[in-house]
Amino acid sequence: MCKNFGGLKAVSEVSFELEHGEILGIIGPNGAGKTTVFNTITGFFKPDAGEIRLSGETLVNLKPHQICQKGMVRTFQLVKPFLQLTVLDNVVVAALNRTKIVKEAHEKALETIDFVGLGEKRDNLATGLTLPDRKRLELARALATGPKVLLLDEVMAGLTPTEVDALIRLLTKVNQKGVTILLIEHVMRGLMALSKRVVVLNYGVKIAEGIPEEVVKNRLVIEAYLGEEFGNAESSGDRSLLR
């Protein structure tokens, strides 16, 4: 796909395939085009060239809510729940994108809230949630739409190592339920723990793709994103930089 903003090539001929049931990570420095890729895949931007397909069906020219109804949904780096609604009502709103029957949406919301670990807070207003719980709420809203493919934009940003570990376990359970995951992530320990493959972007161009253990040793990736310290530690077997 390609996406330009005036004379700026934000994404240039980036292509990859996402296999059913896998977790694919996207990494790269700030400004590499990662979120632009997400925005283009999910209908917020229209690609200037290229094709986007889900199960063989084109998604180009569809609106974000239409793409969601077909089974692809995303979260956002800056979580923005409906602050004056309860956790439950936030998720019910999301579930109504897949069913217009309020009772069904309510049941789906309750099931999803329990799954992400917010059951005891279902009647709390979203405005009073901590950052980790807001991220779980954002995930619950996405899952309530019944996605085949879930796109996560820096879902681990701002979390402590313990909170990251808990989220890794939760996302593993999501994947085990049959949801394919595409994630943008700067928290390398989370990315390495979850991703089966990694795509690396720099200046809107894909510079590497492969299994995480190989990608982090790639000289272009080290120079563009990870840095020499990480590369040297990876070569020596020092995993502390991934924590």
Protein backbone atom coordinates (compact mmCIF):
# COMPACT_ATOMS: atom_id res chain seq x y z
CA MET A 1 0.00 0.00 0.00
CA CYS A 2 1.00 3.63 -0.44
CA LYS A 3 -0.23 6.71 1.42
CA ASN A 4 0.90 10.27 0.73
CA PHE A 5 0.16 13.53 2.48
CA GLY A 6 0.91 16.19 -0.11
CA GLY A 7 4.54 15.66 -1.06
CA LEU A 8 5.25 13.44 1.96
CA LYS A 9 5.31 9.71 1.34
CA ALA A 10 4.12 8.46 4.72
CA VAL A 11 3.88 4.84 3.55
CA SER A 12 5.58 3.64 0.39
CA GLU A 13 4.86 0.22 -1.11
CA VAL A 14 4.47 -1.53 2.23
CA SER A 15 3.09 -5.04 1.89
CA PHE A 16 2.68 -8.03 4.19
CA GLU A 17 0.31 -10.92 4.79
CA LEU A 18 -1.33 -11.78 8.07
CA GLU A 19 -1.98 -15.47 8.54
CA HIS A 20 -5.09 -16.70 10.32
CA GLY A 21 -4.46 -17.11 14.03
CA GLU A 22 -1.00 -15.52 14.16
CA ILE A 23 0.33 -12.50 16.02
CA LEU A 24 2.32 -10.13 13.81
CA GLY A 25 4.23 -7.19 15.27
CA ILE A 26 5.08 -3.90 13.58
CA ILE A 27 8.00 -1.90 14.94
CA GLY A 28 10.00 1.12 13.89
CA PRO A 29 11.07 4.56 15.09
CA ASN A 30 8.61 7.40 15.65
CA GLY A 31 7.44 8.71 12.30
CA ALA A 32 8.11 5.43 10.52
CA GLY A 33 4.51 5.19 9.26
CA LYS A 34 3.20 2.52 11.63
CA THR A 35 0.00 4.27 12.71
CA THR A 36 -0.58 5.45 9.14
CA VAL A 37 -0.57 1.79 8.11
CA PHE A 38 -3.19 1.07 10.79
CA ASN A 39 -5.30 4.06 9.76
CA THR A 40 -5.18 2.99 6.13
CA ILE A 41 -5.97 -0.67 6.81
CA THR A 42 -8.99 0.24 8.95
CA GLY A 43 -10.52 2.83 6.64
CA PHE A 44 -9.61 6.09 8.39
CA PHE A 45 -7.35 6.92 5.43
CA LYS A 46 -7.84 5.87 1.81
CA PRO A 47 -4.70 4.37 0.24
CA ASP A 48 -3.28 6.24 -2.73
CA ALA A 49 -2.23 2.93 -4.26
CA GLY A 50 -2.40 -0.73 -3.38
CA GLU A 51 -4.99 -3.18 -2.09
CA ILE A 52 -6.18 -4.17 1.38
CA ARG A 53 -8.03 -7.47 1.68
CA LEU A 54 -9.67 -9.41 4.47
CA SER A 55 -10.39 -13.06 3.65
CA GLY A 56 -10.03 -12.20 -0.04
CA GLU A 57 -12.49 -9.29 0.09
CA THR A 58 -11.30 -5.75 -0.60
CA LEU A 59 -11.63 -3.19 2.19
CA VAL A 60 -10.70 -0.15 0.10
CA ASN A 61 -13.44 2.53 0.05
CA LEU A 62 -15.18 1.07 3.12
CA LYS A 63 -15.80 3.19 6.21
CA PRO A 64 -14.22 2.17 9.54
CA HIS A 65 -17.54 0.93 10.98
CA GLN A 66 -18.13 -1.17 7.85
CA ILE A 67 -14.67 -2.72 8.17
CA CYS A 68 -15.41 -3.41 11.83
CA GLN A 69 -18.62 -5.20 10.86
CA LYS A 70 -16.62 -7.40 8.51
CA GLY A 71 -14.40 -8.50 11.39
CA MET A 72 -11.45 -6.12 11.64
CA VAL A 73 -11.20 -3.67 14.54
CA ARG A 74 -8.48 -1.53 16.05
CA THR A 75 -7.59 0.10 19.34
CA PHE A 76 -5.93 3.49 19.66
CA GLN A 77 -2.69 4.55 21.32
CA LEU A 78 -4.55 7.25 23.28
CA VAL A 79 -7.50 5.51 24.89
CA LYS A 80 -10.68 7.58 24.78
CA PRO A 81 -13.59 5.81 26.44
CA PHE A 82 -16.91 7.54 27.03
CA LEU A 83 -15.82 8.95 30.37
CA GLN A 84 -19.27 9.58 31.81
CA LEU A 85 -20.55 6.12 30.93
CA THR A 86 -19.97 3.02 33.00
CA VAL A 87 -17.57 0.30 31.94
CA LEU A 88 -20.56 -1.85 30.99
CA ASP A 89 -22.25 0.84 28.90
CA ASN A 90 -18.99 1.59 27.09
CA VAL A 91 -18.77 -2.03 25.98
CA VAL A 92 -22.47 -2.29 25.15
CA VAL A 93 -22.04 0.61 22.71
CA ALA A 94 -19.26 -1.33 20.98
CA ALA A 95 -21.27 -4.56 20.90
CA LEU A 96 -24.13 -2.76 19.18
CA ASN A 97 -21.93 -2.42 16.11
CA ARG A 98 -22.46 -6.13 15.46
CA THR A 99 -26.03 -6.56 16.71
CA LYS A 100 -28.95 -4.18 17.02
CA ILE A 101 -30.59 -6.28 19.73
CA VAL A 102 -29.83 -4.57 23.03
CA LYS A 103 -30.19 -7.74 25.10
CA GLU A 104 -27.61 -9.54 22.93
CA ALA A 105 -25.25 -6.55 23.13
CA HIS A 106 -25.64 -6.47 26.92
CA GLU A 107 -24.86 -10.19 27.24
CA LYS A 108 -21.83 -9.87 24.95
CA ALA A 109 -20.60 -6.88 26.95
CA LEU A 110 -20.87 -8.72 30.27
CA GLU A 111 -19.02 -11.74 28.88
CA THR A 112 -16.26 -9.55 27.44
CA ILE A 113 -15.84 -7.45 30.58
CA ASP A 114 -15.39 -10.59 32.67
CA PHE A 115 -12.90 -11.94 30.14
CA VAL A 116 -10.62 -8.88 30.34
CA GLY A 117 -10.77 -8.78 34.14
CA LEU A 118 -13.06 -5.79 34.67
CA GLY A 119 -16.11 -7.66 35.95
CA GLU A 120 -15.98 -6.13 39.41
CA LYS A 121 -15.77 -2.64 37.91
CA ARG A 122 -18.53 -2.97 35.33
CA ASP A 123 -20.68 -0.32 37.07
CA ASN A 124 -17.79 2.14 37.58
CA LEU A 125 -17.61 5.26 35.46
CA ALA A 126 -14.79 5.12 32.93
CA THR A 127 -13.46 8.45 34.15
CA GLY A 128 -12.36 6.85 37.42
CA LEU A 129 -10.37 4.00 35.89
CA THR A 130 -6.60 3.72 36.14
CA LEU A 131 -4.52 3.66 32.93
CA PRO A 132 -4.17 -0.17 32.96
CA ASP A 133 -7.92 -0.56 33.40
CA ARG A 134 -8.65 1.97 30.67
CA LYS A 135 -6.48 -0.09 28.36
CA ARG A 136 -8.42 -3.21 29.34
CA LEU A 137 -11.63 -1.32 28.65
CA GLU A 138 -10.32 -0.29 25.24
CA LEU A 139 -9.53 -3.94 24.54
CA ALA A 140 -12.98 -5.02 25.78
CA ARG A 141 -14.70 -2.56 23.46
CA ALA A 142 -12.76 -3.95 20.52
CA LEU A 143 -13.43 -7.57 21.47
CA ALA A 144 -17.15 -6.91 21.94
CA THR A 145 -17.45 -6.34 18.19
CA GLY A 146 -16.49 -9.98 17.61
CA PRO A 147 -13.36 -9.42 15.53
CA LYS A 148 -11.53 -11.91 13.36
CA VAL A 149 -8.54 -9.53 13.28
CA LEU A 150 -7.57 -7.22 16.14
CA LEU A 151 -5.19 -4.30 15.57
CA LEU A 152 -3.48 -3.00 18.73
CA ASP A 153 -1.70 0.37 18.67
CA GLU A 154 0.88 0.52 21.50
CA VAL A 155 -1.44 -1.15 23.98
CA MET A 156 1.44 -1.61 26.47
CA ALA A 157 2.64 2.01 26.48
CA GLY A 158 2.83 3.51 29.96
CA LEU A 159 2.45 0.20 31.82
CA THR A 160 4.78 -1.17 34.49
CA PRO A 161 6.62 -4.46 33.85
CA THR A 162 4.10 -6.31 36.04
CA GLU A 163 1.20 -4.77 34.13
CA VAL A 164 2.89 -5.65 30.83
CA ASP A 165 3.20 -9.29 31.94
CA ALA A 166 -0.51 -9.38 32.84
CA LEU A 167 -1.44 -7.91 29.46
CA ILE A 168 0.76 -10.43 27.65
CA ARG A 169 -1.17 -13.23 29.35
CA LEU A 170 -4.49 -11.64 28.43
CA LEU A 171 -3.55 -11.12 24.78
CA THR A 172 -2.32 -14.70 24.59
CA LYS A 173 -5.79 -15.81 25.72
CA VAL A 174 -7.38 -13.55 23.10
CA ASN A 175 -5.24 -15.16 20.41
CA GLN A 176 -6.03 -18.65 21.69
CA LYS A 177 -9.73 -17.87 21.18
CA GLY A 178 -8.98 -17.62 17.45
CA VAL A 179 -8.45 -13.87 17.08
CA THR A 180 -5.62 -12.89 14.75
CA ILE A 181 -3.58 -9.97 16.12
CA LEU A 182 -1.58 -7.22 14.45
CA LEU A 183 0.21 -4.99 16.94
CA ILE A 184 2.35 -1.88 16.91
CA GLU A 185 4.56 -1.95 19.95
CA HIS A 186 7.63 -0.21 21.40
CA VAL A 187 7.74 -2.39 24.52
CA MET A 188 10.16 -4.98 23.20
CA ARG A 189 9.61 -7.56 25.92
CA GLY A 190 5.92 -7.62 25.03
CA LEU A 191 6.59 -7.74 21.33
CA MET A 192 9.12 -10.56 21.68
CA ALA A 193 6.81 -12.56 23.93
CA LEU A 194 3.78 -12.33 21.64
CA SER A 195 4.86 -11.96 18.03
CA LYS A 196 5.48 -14.90 15.75
CA ARG A 197 6.72 -12.54 13.02
CA VAL A 198 7.79 -8.90 12.96
CA VAL A 199 7.64 -6.24 10.23
CA VAL A 200 9.99 -3.26 10.59
CA LEU A 201 9.22 0.13 9.05
CA ASN A 202 11.49 3.14 8.63
CA TYR A 203 10.56 6.35 6.82
CA GLY A 204 7.45 4.64 5.48
CA VAL A 205 9.33 1.72 3.94
CA LYS A 206 9.50 -1.90 5.07
CA ILE A 207 13.16 -2.65 5.83
CA ALA A 208 12.84 -6.11 7.39
CA GLU A 209 10.41 -8.95 8.06
CA GLY A 210 10.87 -12.25 9.85
CA ILE A 211 10.82 -14.00 13.20
CA PRO A 212 11.70 -11.69 16.13
CA GLU A 213 14.99 -13.43 16.98
CA GLU A 214 16.27 -12.82 13.44
CA VAL A 215 14.88 -9.31 13.01
CA VAL A 216 16.57 -7.92 16.14
CA LYS A 217 19.94 -9.02 14.73
CA ASN A 218 19.36 -7.33 11.36
CA ARG A 219 21.92 -4.56 10.85
CA LEU A 220 19.40 -2.23 9.17
CA VAL A 221 16.98 -2.65 12.08
CA ILE A 222 19.70 -2.02 14.67
CA GLU A 223 20.83 1.15 12.89
CA ALA A 224 17.31 2.47 12.28
CA TYR A 225 15.60 1.57 15.53
CA LEU A 226 17.14 -0.69 18.16
CA GLY A 227 20.58 0.85 18.47
CA GLU A 228 24.03 -0.68 18.92
CA GLU A 229 23.54 -1.35 22.64
CA PHE A 230 20.57 -3.58 21.93
CA GLY A 231 22.34 -5.34 19.07
CA ASN A 232 25.41 -6.07 21.17
CA ALA A 233 23.29 -7.34 24.05
CA GLU A 234 21.27 -9.58 21.74
CA SER A 235 24.44 -11.06 20.25
CA SER A 236 25.87 -11.74 23.70
CA GLY A 237 22.65 -13.29 24.97
CA ASP A 238 21.92 -10.53 27.49
CA ARG A 239 18.12 -10.45 27.60
CA SER A 240 17.93 -7.72 30.27
CA LEU A 241 17.30 -5.05 27.65
CA LEU A 242 14.06 -6.77 26.76
CA ARG A 243 12.66 -6.34 30.27
